[in-house]
């Protein structure tokens, strides 16, 4: 039961890559349309991801109620 002033929390999973060419970390929350950002440091990327996620949920509040089931990641190798 929530008391007055209590907040609910939900954890979203972000995928992070490093762009060597631009020297930036790039973060994407795959199951939230529009939730992607970039930054020079991982700390800055974390803050940016939180901000963009809050904006996405503000625009689409139903996102906060959708069930999320993180399964894992896979790397796929192809010949170039």
PDB file of N, CA and C in Angstrom:
ATOM      1  N   UNK A   1       0.836  -1.180   0.000  1.00  0.00           N
ATOM      2  CA  UNK A   1       0.000   0.000   0.000  1.00  0.00           C
ATOM      3  C   UNK A   1       0.877   1.238   0.000  1.00  0.00           C
ATOM      4  N   UNK A   2       0.571   2.199  -0.879  1.00  0.00           N
ATOM      5  CA  UNK A   2       1.346   3.431  -0.943  1.00  0.00           C
ATOM      6  C   UNK A   2       0.798   4.467   0.023  1.00  0.00           C
ATOM      7  N   UNK A   3       1.705   5.152   0.676  1.00  0.00           N
ATOM      8  CA  UNK A   3       1.291   6.239   1.545  1.00  0.00           C
ATOM      9  C   UNK A   3       1.424   7.540   0.784  1.00  0.00           C
ATOM     10  N   UNK A   4       0.842   8.571   1.310  1.00  0.00           N
ATOM     11  CA  UNK A   4       0.896   9.872   0.655  1.00  0.00           C
ATOM     12  C   UNK A   4       2.346  10.288   0.429  1.00  0.00           C
ATOM     13  N   UNK A   5       2.664  10.694  -0.787  1.00  0.00           N
ATOM     14  CA  UNK A   5       4.017  11.128  -1.111  1.00  0.00           C
ATOM     15  C   UNK A   5       4.934  10.004  -1.547  1.00  0.00           C
ATOM     16  N   UNK A   6       4.496   8.763  -1.449  1.00  0.00           N
ATOM     17  CA  UNK A   6       5.327   7.631  -1.855  1.00  0.00           C
ATOM     18  C   UNK A   6       5.397   7.561  -3.377  1.00  0.00           C
ATOM     19  N   UNK A   7       6.504   7.095  -3.886  1.00  0.00           N
ATOM     20  CA  UNK A   7       6.657   6.963  -5.331  1.00  0.00           C
ATOM     21  C   UNK A   7       6.909   5.508  -5.682  1.00  0.00           C
ATOM     22  N   UNK A   8       6.398   5.143  -6.848  1.00  0.00           N
ATOM     23  CA  UNK A   8       6.664   3.801  -7.357  1.00  0.00           C
ATOM     24  C   UNK A   8       7.889   3.880  -8.254  1.00  0.00           C
ATOM     25  N   UNK A   9       8.635   2.790  -8.323  1.00  0.00           N
ATOM     26  CA  UNK A   9       9.807   2.748  -9.180  1.00  0.00           C
ATOM     27  C   UNK A   9       9.699   1.574 -10.128  1.00  0.00           C
ATOM     28  N   UNK A  10      10.265   1.741 -11.300  1.00  0.00           N
ATOM     29  CA  UNK A  10      10.304   0.670 -12.281  1.00  0.00           C
ATOM     30  C   UNK A  10      11.677   0.718 -12.941  1.00  0.00           C
ATOM     31  N   UNK A  11      12.240  -0.427 -13.192  1.00  0.00           N
ATOM     32  CA  UNK A  11      13.565  -0.506 -13.801  1.00  0.00           C
ATOM     33  C   UNK A  11      13.416  -0.832 -15.278  1.00  0.00           C
ATOM     34  N   UNK A  12      14.090  -0.067 -16.110  1.00  0.00           N
ATOM     35  CA  UNK A  12      14.150  -0.298 -17.548  1.00  0.00           C
ATOM     36  C   UNK A  12      15.579  -0.683 -17.895  1.00  0.00           C
ATOM     37  N   UNK A  13      15.748  -1.502 -18.897  1.00  0.00           N
ATOM     38  CA  UNK A  13      17.074  -1.931 -19.322  1.00  0.00           C
ATOM     39  C   UNK A  13      17.508  -1.128 -20.540  1.00  0.00           C
ATOM     40  N   UNK A  14      18.711  -0.599 -20.485  1.00  0.00           N
ATOM     41  CA  UNK A  14      19.279   0.155 -21.603  1.00  0.00           C
ATOM     42  C   UNK A  14      20.441  -0.628 -22.195  1.00  0.00           C
ATOM     43  N   UNK A  15      20.576  -0.543 -23.495  1.00  0.00           N
ATOM     44  CA  UNK A  15      21.721  -1.104 -24.193  1.00  0.00           C
ATOM     45  C   UNK A  15      22.677   0.036 -24.490  1.00  0.00           C
ATOM     46  N   UNK A  16      23.960  -0.191 -24.225  1.00  0.00           N
ATOM     47  CA  UNK A  16      24.960   0.861 -24.379  1.00  0.00           C
ATOM     48  C   UNK A  16      26.076   0.381 -25.289  1.00  0.00           C
ATOM     49  N   UNK A  17      26.412   1.237 -26.236  1.00  0.00           N
ATOM     50  CA  UNK A  17      27.543   0.975 -27.133  1.00  0.00           C
ATOM     51  C   UNK A  17      28.449   2.206 -27.121  1.00  0.00           C
ATOM     52  N   UNK A  18      29.669   2.025 -27.575  1.00  0.00           N
ATOM     53  CA  UNK A  18      30.601   3.146 -27.685  1.00  0.00           C
ATOM     54  C   UNK A  18      30.896   3.385 -29.154  1.00  0.00           C
ATOM     55  N   UNK A  19      30.702   4.621 -29.595  1.00  0.00           N
ATOM     56  CA  UNK A  19      30.966   5.027 -30.973  1.00  0.00           C
ATOM     57  C   UNK A  19      32.388   5.591 -31.038  1.00  0.00           C
ATOM     58  N   UNK A  20      33.325   4.778 -31.545  1.00  0.00           N
ATOM     59  CA  UNK A  20      34.734   5.194 -31.620  1.00  0.00           C
ATOM     60  C   UNK A  20      34.927   6.429 -32.496  1.00  0.00           C
ATOM     61  N   UNK A  21      34.182   6.498 -33.569  1.00  0.00           N
ATOM     62  CA  UNK A  21      34.343   7.608 -34.506  1.00  0.00           C
ATOM     63  C   UNK A  21      33.969   8.949 -33.869  1.00  0.00           C
ATOM     64  N   UNK A  22      32.858   8.962 -33.152  1.00  0.00           N
ATOM     65  CA  UNK A  22      32.395  10.215 -32.533  1.00  0.00           C
ATOM     66  C   UNK A  22      32.827  10.345 -31.080  1.00  0.00           C
ATOM     67  N   UNK A  23      33.434   9.295 -30.530  1.00  0.00           N
ATOM     68  CA  UNK A  23      33.904   9.289 -29.132  1.00  0.00           C
ATOM     69  C   UNK A  23      32.753   9.560 -28.163  1.00  0.00           C
ATOM     70  N   UNK A  24      31.630   8.840 -28.381  1.00  0.00           N
ATOM     71  CA  UNK A  24      30.448   9.015 -27.542  1.00  0.00           C
ATOM     72  C   UNK A  24      29.867   7.657 -27.151  1.00  0.00           C
ATOM     73  N   UNK A  25      29.301   7.607 -25.957  1.00  0.00           N
ATOM     74  CA  UNK A  25      28.497   6.456 -25.549  1.00  0.00           C
ATOM     75  C   UNK A  25      27.091   6.687 -26.077  1.00  0.00           C
ATOM     76  N   UNK A  26      26.476   5.626 -26.577  1.00  0.00           N
ATOM     77  CA  UNK A  26      25.124   5.704 -27.117  1.00  0.00           C
ATOM     78  C   UNK A  26      24.260   4.717 -26.338  1.00  0.00           C
ATOM     79  N   UNK A  27      23.148   5.207 -25.787  1.00  0.00           N
ATOM     80  CA  UNK A  27      22.254   4.366 -25.008  1.00  0.00           C
ATOM     81  C   UNK A  27      20.871   4.310 -25.619  1.00  0.00           C
ATOM     82  N   UNK A  28      20.280   3.117 -25.590  1.00  0.00           N
ATOM     83  CA  UNK A  28      18.943   2.893 -26.142  1.00  0.00           C
ATOM     84  C   UNK A  28      18.151   2.031 -25.155  1.00  0.00           C
ATOM     85  N   UNK A  29      16.918   2.429 -24.884  1.00  0.00           N
ATOM     86  CA  UNK A  29      16.004   1.580 -24.125  1.00  0.00           C
ATOM     87  C   UNK A  29      15.074   0.985 -25.171  1.00  0.00           C
ATOM     88  N   UNK A  30      15.311  -0.276 -25.566  1.00  0.00           N
ATOM     89  CA  UNK A  30      14.691  -0.830 -26.761  1.00  0.00           C
ATOM     90  C   UNK A  30      13.172  -0.931 -26.754  1.00  0.00           C
ATOM     91  N   UNK A  31      12.546  -1.114 -25.613  1.00  0.00           N
ATOM     92  CA  UNK A  31      11.100  -1.271 -25.621  1.00  0.00           C
ATOM     93  C   UNK A  31      10.352   0.035 -25.352  1.00  0.00           C
ATOM     94  N   UNK A  32      11.053   1.182 -25.446  1.00  0.00           N
ATOM     95  CA  UNK A  32      10.420   2.485 -25.297  1.00  0.00           C
ATOM     96  C   UNK A  32      10.785   3.313 -26.526  1.00  0.00           C
ATOM     97  N   UNK A  33       9.802   3.510 -27.393  1.00  0.00           N
ATOM     98  CA  UNK A  33      10.028   4.267 -28.620  1.00  0.00           C
ATOM     99  C   UNK A  33      10.522   5.671 -28.276  1.00  0.00           C
ATOM    100  N   UNK A  34      11.629   6.073 -28.885  1.00  0.00           N
ATOM    101  CA  UNK A  34      12.181   7.404 -28.671  1.00  0.00           C
ATOM    102  C   UNK A  34      13.168   7.502 -27.528  1.00  0.00           C
ATOM    103  N   UNK A  35      13.366   6.435 -26.779  1.00  0.00           N
ATOM    104  CA  UNK A  35      14.265   6.475 -25.622  1.00  0.00           C
ATOM    105  C   UNK A  35      15.679   6.109 -26.052  1.00  0.00           C
ATOM    106  N   UNK A  36      16.390   7.102 -26.557  1.00  0.00           N
ATOM    107  CA  UNK A  36      17.794   6.923 -26.942  1.00  0.00           C
ATOM    108  C   UNK A  36      18.504   8.252 -26.758  1.00  0.00           C
ATOM    109  N   UNK A  37      19.795   8.175 -26.452  1.00  0.00           N
ATOM    110  CA  UNK A  37      20.575   9.383 -26.227  1.00  0.00           C
ATOM    111  C   UNK A  37      22.057   9.053 -26.329  1.00  0.00           C
ATOM    112  N   UNK A  38      22.884  10.057 -26.182  1.00  0.00           N
ATOM    113  CA  UNK A  38      24.332   9.870 -26.237  1.00  0.00           C
ATOM    114  C   UNK A  38      25.007  10.808 -25.254  1.00  0.00           C
ATOM    115  N   UNK A  39      26.268  10.501 -24.916  1.00  0.00           N
ATOM    116  CA  UNK A  39      27.010  11.323 -23.969  1.00  0.00           C
ATOM    117  C   UNK A  39      28.490  10.973 -24.035  1.00  0.00           C
ATOM    118  N   UNK A  40      29.308  11.859 -23.493  1.00  0.00           N
ATOM    119  CA  UNK A  40      30.755  11.644 -23.470  1.00  0.00           C
ATOM    120  C   UNK A  40      31.194  10.713 -22.357  1.00  0.00           C
ATOM    121  N   UNK A  41      30.411  10.620 -21.268  1.00  0.00           N
ATOM    122  CA  UNK A  41      30.761   9.735 -20.153  1.00  0.00           C
ATOM    123  C   UNK A  41      29.569   8.852 -19.807  1.00  0.00           C
ATOM    124  N   UNK A  42      29.846   7.753 -19.105  1.00  0.00           N
ATOM    125  CA  UNK A  42      28.769   6.861 -18.687  1.00  0.00           C
ATOM    126  C   UNK A  42      27.857   7.523 -17.652  1.00  0.00           C
ATOM    127  N   UNK A  43      28.418   8.348 -16.773  1.00  0.00           N
ATOM    128  CA  UNK A  43      27.589   9.055 -15.791  1.00  0.00           C
ATOM    129  C   UNK A  43      26.628  10.018 -16.492  1.00  0.00           C
ATOM    130  N   UNK A  44      27.136  10.748 -17.463  1.00  0.00           N
ATOM    131  CA  UNK A  44      26.297  11.669 -18.224  1.00  0.00           C
ATOM    132  C   UNK A  44      25.238  10.897 -19.010  1.00  0.00           C
ATOM    133  N   UNK A  45      25.616   9.749 -19.572  1.00  0.00           N
ATOM    134  CA  UNK A  45      24.666   8.930 -20.316  1.00  0.00           C
ATOM    135  C   UNK A  45      23.541   8.462 -19.394  1.00  0.00           C
ATOM    136  N   UNK A  46      23.860   8.043 -18.176  1.00  0.00           N
ATOM    137  CA  UNK A  46      22.845   7.612 -17.211  1.00  0.00           C
ATOM    138  C   UNK A  46      21.844   8.739 -16.947  1.00  0.00           C
ATOM    139  N   UNK A  47      22.337   9.930 -16.709  1.00  0.00           N
ATOM    140  CA  UNK A  47      21.443  11.071 -16.462  1.00  0.00           C
ATOM    141  C   UNK A  47      20.584  11.360 -17.691  1.00  0.00           C
ATOM    142  N   UNK A  48      21.199  11.315 -18.878  1.00  0.00           N
ATOM    143  CA  UNK A  48      20.457  11.570 -20.111  1.00  0.00           C
ATOM    144  C   UNK A  48      19.375  10.515 -20.346  1.00  0.00           C
ATOM    145  N   UNK A  49      19.693   9.246 -20.076  1.00  0.00           N
ATOM    146  CA  UNK A  49      18.710   8.179 -20.247  1.00  0.00           C
ATOM    147  C   UNK A  49      17.541   8.352 -19.286  1.00  0.00           C
ATOM    148  N   UNK A  50      17.826   8.722 -18.044  1.00  0.00           N
ATOM    149  CA  UNK A  50      16.749   8.958 -17.087  1.00  0.00           C
ATOM    150  C   UNK A  50      15.844  10.089 -17.565  1.00  0.00           C
ATOM    151  N   UNK A  51      16.452  11.161 -18.048  1.00  0.00           N
ATOM    152  CA  UNK A  51      15.686  12.315 -18.512  1.00  0.00           C
ATOM    153  C   UNK A  51      14.816  11.957 -19.722  1.00  0.00           C
ATOM    154  N   UNK A  52      15.404  11.283 -20.709  1.00  0.00           N
ATOM    155  CA  UNK A  52      14.637  10.950 -21.906  1.00  0.00           C
ATOM    156  C   UNK A  52      13.540   9.936 -21.576  1.00  0.00           C
ATOM    157  N   UNK A  53      13.794   9.011 -20.668  1.00  0.00           N
ATOM    158  CA  UNK A  53      12.784   8.041 -20.266  1.00  0.00           C
ATOM    159  C   UNK A  53      11.622   8.745 -19.571  1.00  0.00           C
ATOM    160  N   UNK A  54      11.920   9.675 -18.689  1.00  0.00           N
ATOM    161  CA  UNK A  54      10.862  10.439 -18.020  1.00  0.00           C
ATOM    162  C   UNK A  54      10.019  11.207 -19.036  1.00  0.00           C
ATOM    163  N   UNK A  55      10.662  11.799 -20.044  1.00  0.00           N
ATOM    164  CA  UNK A  55       9.930  12.524 -21.082  1.00  0.00           C
ATOM    165  C   UNK A  55       9.045  11.591 -21.903  1.00  0.00           C
ATOM    166  N   UNK A  56       9.571  10.420 -22.242  1.00  0.00           N
ATOM    167  CA  UNK A  56       8.787   9.450 -23.018  1.00  0.00           C
ATOM    168  C   UNK A  56       7.561   8.989 -22.236  1.00  0.00           C
ATOM    169  N   UNK A  57       7.727   8.747 -20.940  1.00  0.00           N
ATOM    170  CA  UNK A  57       6.605   8.288 -20.120  1.00  0.00           C
ATOM    171  C   UNK A  57       5.609   9.429 -19.884  1.00  0.00           C
ATOM    172  N   UNK A  58       6.118  10.645 -19.805  1.00  0.00           N
ATOM    173  CA  UNK A  58       5.220  11.800 -19.681  1.00  0.00           C
ATOM    174  C   UNK A  58       4.321  11.904 -20.915  1.00  0.00           C
ATOM    175  N   UNK A  59       4.887  11.638 -22.089  1.00  0.00           N
ATOM    176  CA  UNK A  59       4.132  11.688 -23.341  1.00  0.00           C
ATOM    177  C   UNK A  59       3.216  10.472 -23.507  1.00  0.00           C
ATOM    178  N   UNK A  60       3.641   9.313 -22.993  1.00  0.00           N
ATOM    179  CA  UNK A  60       2.882   8.057 -23.111  1.00  0.00           C
ATOM    180  C   UNK A  60       2.848   7.355 -21.758  1.00  0.00           C
ATOM    181  N   UNK A  61       1.986   7.803 -20.834  1.00  0.00           N
ATOM    182  CA  UNK A  61       1.964   7.243 -19.474  1.00  0.00           C
ATOM    183  C   UNK A  61       1.739   5.735 -19.408  1.00  0.00           C
ATOM    184  N   UNK A  62       1.096   5.154 -20.440  1.00  0.00           N
ATOM    185  CA  UNK A  62       0.846   3.714 -20.419  1.00  0.00           C
ATOM    186  C   UNK A  62       2.138   2.904 -20.442  1.00  0.00           C
ATOM    187  N   UNK A  63       3.241   3.510 -20.876  1.00  0.00           N
ATOM    188  CA  UNK A  63       4.529   2.806 -20.888  1.00  0.00           C
ATOM    189  C   UNK A  63       4.943   2.366 -19.483  1.00  0.00           C
ATOM    190  N   UNK A  64       4.558   3.133 -18.496  1.00  0.00           N
ATOM    191  CA  UNK A  64       4.944   2.821 -17.119  1.00  0.00           C
ATOM    192  C   UNK A  64       4.239   1.572 -16.601  1.00  0.00           C
ATOM    193  N   UNK A  65       3.143   1.177 -17.236  1.00  0.00           N
ATOM    194  CA  UNK A  65       2.375   0.034 -16.757  1.00  0.00           C
ATOM    195  C   UNK A  65       2.593  -1.234 -17.568  1.00  0.00           C
ATOM    196  N   UNK A  66       3.333  -1.144 -18.662  1.00  0.00           N
ATOM    197  CA  UNK A  66       3.568  -2.321 -19.492  1.00  0.00           C
ATOM    198  C   UNK A  66       4.570  -3.248 -18.820  1.00  0.00           C
ATOM    199  N   UNK A  67       4.301  -4.547 -18.842  1.00  0.00           N
ATOM    200  CA  UNK A  67       5.246  -5.491 -18.232  1.00  0.00           C
ATOM    201  C   UNK A  67       6.535  -5.578 -19.057  1.00  0.00           C
ATOM    202  N   UNK A  68       7.645  -5.636 -18.358  1.00  0.00           N
ATOM    203  CA  UNK A  68       8.952  -5.753 -19.013  1.00  0.00           C
ATOM    204  C   UNK A  68       9.614  -7.042 -18.544  1.00  0.00           C
ATOM    205  N   UNK A  69      10.185  -7.753 -19.474  1.00  0.00           N
ATOM    206  CA  UNK A  69      10.862  -8.998 -19.131  1.00  0.00           C
ATOM    207  C   UNK A  69      12.212  -9.038 -19.837  1.00  0.00           C
ATOM    208  N   UNK A  70      13.241  -8.584 -19.151  1.00  0.00           N
ATOM    209  CA  UNK A  70      14.577  -8.617 -19.735  1.00  0.00           C
ATOM    210  C   UNK A  70      15.022 -10.065 -19.839  1.00  0.00           C
ATOM    211  N   UNK A  71      15.430 -10.454 -21.018  1.00  0.00           N
ATOM    212  CA  UNK A  71      15.846 -11.833 -21.256  1.00  0.00           C
ATOM    213  C   UNK A  71      17.364 -11.927 -21.330  1.00  0.00           C
ATOM    214  N   UNK A  72      17.991 -11.029 -22.055  1.00  0.00           N
ATOM    215  CA  UNK A  72      19.436 -11.062 -22.196  1.00  0.00           C
ATOM    216  C   UNK A  72      19.858 -10.351 -23.467  1.00  0.00           C
ATOM    217  N   UNK A  73      21.098 -10.487 -23.797  1.00  0.00           N
ATOM    218  CA  UNK A  73      21.624  -9.884 -25.017  1.00  0.00           C
ATOM    219  C   UNK A  73      22.314 -10.966 -25.842  1.00  0.00           C
ATOM    220  N   UNK A  74      22.444 -10.693 -27.101  1.00  0.00           N
ATOM    221  CA  UNK A  74      23.181 -11.578 -27.999  1.00  0.00           C
ATOM    222  C   UNK A  74      24.025 -10.723 -28.913  1.00  0.00           C
ATOM    223  N   UNK A  75      25.191 -11.213 -29.238  1.00  0.00           N
ATOM    224  CA  UNK A  75      26.005 -10.583 -30.250  1.00  0.00           C
ATOM    225  C   UNK A  75      25.927 -11.434 -31.490  1.00  0.00           C
ATOM    226  N   UNK A  76      25.731 -10.775 -32.613  1.00  0.00           N
ATOM    227  CA  UNK A  76      25.585 -11.479 -33.886  1.00  0.00           C
ATOM    228  C   UNK A  76      26.762 -11.090 -34.772  1.00  0.00           C
ATOM    229  N   UNK A  77      27.497 -12.076 -35.242  1.00  0.00           N
ATOM    230  CA  UNK A  77      28.671 -11.833 -36.081  1.00  0.00           C
ATOM    231  C   UNK A  77      28.334 -12.131 -37.533  1.00  0.00           C
ATOM    232  N   UNK A  78      28.731 -11.211 -38.406  1.00  0.00           N
ATOM    233  CA  UNK A  78      28.567 -11.427 -39.848  1.00  0.00           C
ATOM    234  C   UNK A  78      29.885 -11.138 -40.556  1.00  0.00           C
ATOM    235  N   UNK A  79      30.100 -11.752 -41.682  1.00  0.00           N
ATOM    236  CA  UNK A  79      31.299 -11.492 -42.474  1.00  0.00           C
ATOM    237  C   UNK A  79      31.064 -10.252 -43.323  1.00  0.00           C
ATOM    238  N   UNK A  80      32.055  -9.411 -43.374  1.00  0.00           N
ATOM    239  CA  UNK A  80      31.962  -8.183 -44.187  1.00  0.00           C
ATOM    240  C   UNK A  80      32.979  -8.228 -45.322  1.00  0.00           C
TER     241      UNK A  80
END
